[in-house]
Amino acid sequence: MSNESTVFERLFNSTTTVHADTRRQYAVACALELIKAHAASDTAGKRLESDMDNLSKFADQIEAALKVKS
């Protein structure tokens, strides 16, 4: 497990309250990692711009998926 994975896991699985700005920063960082992996698999080089245009949306989806449902 990479160091980044460990940080994300601790942050999002933590029982302690994490400031919203910090959560957002990690969600954006996670989205950027996914975009990087997606771009690396793109042989035509056409996905990066589209993915970057959707960065905020991807981060929103990551945050929403990690919210604890009560």
C-alpha atoms as a PDB file:
ATOM      1  CA  MET A   1       0.000   0.000   0.000  1.00  0.00           C
ATOM      2  CA  SER A   2       1.433   3.369  -0.974  1.00  0.00           C
ATOM      3  CA  ASN A   3       1.897   6.194   1.490  1.00  0.00           C
ATOM      4  CA  GLU A   4      -0.867   8.179  -0.255  1.00  0.00           C
ATOM      5  CA  SER A   5      -3.291   5.283   0.096  1.00  0.00           C
ATOM      6  CA  THR A   6      -2.542   5.091   3.801  1.00  0.00           C
ATOM      7  CA  VAL A   7      -3.217   8.817   4.240  1.00  0.00           C
ATOM      8  CA  PHE A   8      -6.515   8.626   2.351  1.00  0.00           C
ATOM      9  CA  GLU A   9      -7.573   5.553   4.272  1.00  0.00           C
ATOM     10  CA  ARG A  10      -6.846   7.172   7.643  1.00  0.00           C
ATOM     11  CA  LEU A  11      -8.562  10.403   6.641  1.00  0.00           C
ATOM     12  CA  PHE A  12     -11.767   8.923   5.308  1.00  0.00           C
ATOM     13  CA  ASN A  13     -12.062   6.052   7.767  1.00  0.00           C
ATOM     14  CA  SER A  14     -11.266   8.191  10.778  1.00  0.00           C
ATOM     15  CA  THR A  15     -13.750   8.502  13.590  1.00  0.00           C
ATOM     16  CA  THR A  16     -12.419  11.968  14.345  1.00  0.00           C
ATOM     17  CA  THR A  17     -13.888  15.065  12.760  1.00  0.00           C
ATOM     18  CA  VAL A  18     -11.853  16.352   9.841  1.00  0.00           C
ATOM     19  CA  HIS A  19     -12.224  19.951   8.721  1.00  0.00           C
ATOM     20  CA  ALA A  20     -14.257  20.271   5.485  1.00  0.00           C
ATOM     21  CA  ASP A  21     -11.429  22.108   3.698  1.00  0.00           C
ATOM     22  CA  THR A  22      -9.034  19.277   4.503  1.00  0.00           C
ATOM     23  CA  ARG A  23     -11.495  16.668   3.256  1.00  0.00           C
ATOM     24  CA  ARG A  24     -11.931  18.654   0.052  1.00  0.00           C
ATOM     25  CA  GLN A  25      -8.183  18.891  -0.486  1.00  0.00           C
ATOM     26  CA  TYR A  26      -7.838  15.142  -0.136  1.00  0.00           C
ATOM     27  CA  ALA A  27     -10.825  14.477  -2.395  1.00  0.00           C
ATOM     28  CA  VAL A  28      -9.261  16.687  -5.084  1.00  0.00           C
ATOM     29  CA  ALA A  29      -5.899  14.966  -4.638  1.00  0.00           C
ATOM     30  CA  CYS A  30      -7.602  11.586  -4.994  1.00  0.00           C
ATOM     31  CA  ALA A  31      -9.433  12.762  -8.126  1.00  0.00           C
ATOM     32  CA  LEU A  32      -6.139  13.974  -9.591  1.00  0.00           C
ATOM     33  CA  GLU A  33      -4.580  10.550  -8.959  1.00  0.00           C
ATOM     34  CA  LEU A  34      -7.471   8.894 -10.767  1.00  0.00           C
ATOM     35  CA  ILE A  35      -7.155  11.357 -13.654  1.00  0.00           C
ATOM     36  CA  LYS A  36      -3.417  10.648 -13.808  1.00  0.00           C
ATOM     37  CA  ALA A  37      -4.063   6.914 -14.045  1.00  0.00           C
ATOM     38  CA  HIS A  38      -6.773   7.465 -16.639  1.00  0.00           C
ATOM     39  CA  ALA A  39      -4.495   9.713 -18.715  1.00  0.00           C
ATOM     40  CA  ALA A  40      -1.688   7.140 -18.563  1.00  0.00           C
ATOM     41  CA  SER A  41      -3.957   4.590 -20.213  1.00  0.00           C
ATOM     42  CA  ASP A  42      -5.029   7.030 -22.931  1.00  0.00           C
ATOM     43  CA  THR A  43      -3.008   6.321 -26.052  1.00  0.00           C
ATOM     44  CA  ALA A  44      -4.710   9.035 -28.122  1.00  0.00           C
ATOM     45  CA  GLY A  45      -4.177  11.725 -25.471  1.00  0.00           C
ATOM     46  CA  LYS A  46      -7.727  13.043 -25.610  1.00  0.00           C
ATOM     47  CA  ARG A  47      -9.013  12.282 -22.122  1.00  0.00           C
ATOM     48  CA  LEU A  48      -6.855  14.590 -20.016  1.00  0.00           C
ATOM     49  CA  GLU A  49      -8.547  17.876 -20.942  1.00  0.00           C
ATOM     50  CA  SER A  50     -12.011  16.411 -20.460  1.00  0.00           C
ATOM     51  CA  ASP A  51     -11.052  14.824 -17.144  1.00  0.00           C
ATOM     52  CA  MET A  52      -9.484  18.068 -15.897  1.00  0.00           C
ATOM     53  CA  ASP A  53     -12.647  19.957 -16.850  1.00  0.00           C
ATOM     54  CA  ASN A  54     -14.518  17.524 -14.599  1.00  0.00           C
ATOM     55  CA  LEU A  55     -12.071  17.625 -11.669  1.00  0.00           C
ATOM     56  CA  SER A  56     -14.486  19.418  -9.339  1.00  0.00           C
ATOM     57  CA  LYS A  57     -17.294  17.021 -10.247  1.00  0.00           C
ATOM     58  CA  PHE A  58     -15.049  14.020  -9.581  1.00  0.00           C
ATOM     59  CA  ALA A  59     -14.026  15.445  -6.188  1.00  0.00           C
ATOM     60  CA  ASP A  60     -17.706  16.065  -5.363  1.00  0.00           C
ATOM     61  CA  GLN A  61     -18.501  12.448  -6.194  1.00  0.00           C
ATOM     62  CA  ILE A  62     -15.623  11.172  -4.056  1.00  0.00           C
ATOM     63  CA  GLU A  63     -16.762  13.265  -1.095  1.00  0.00           C
ATOM     64  CA  ALA A  64     -20.370  12.155  -1.517  1.00  0.00           C
ATOM     65  CA  ALA A  65     -19.375   8.493  -1.739  1.00  0.00           C
ATOM     66  CA  LEU A  66     -17.390   8.726   1.484  1.00  0.00           C
ATOM     67  CA  LYS A  67     -20.051  10.402   3.597  1.00  0.00           C
ATOM     68  CA  VAL A  68     -21.338   8.205   6.380  1.00  0.00           C
ATOM     69  CA  LYS A  69     -25.049   7.577   6.060  1.00  0.00           C
ATOM     70  CA  SER A  70     -26.962   7.725   9.297  1.00  0.00           C
END
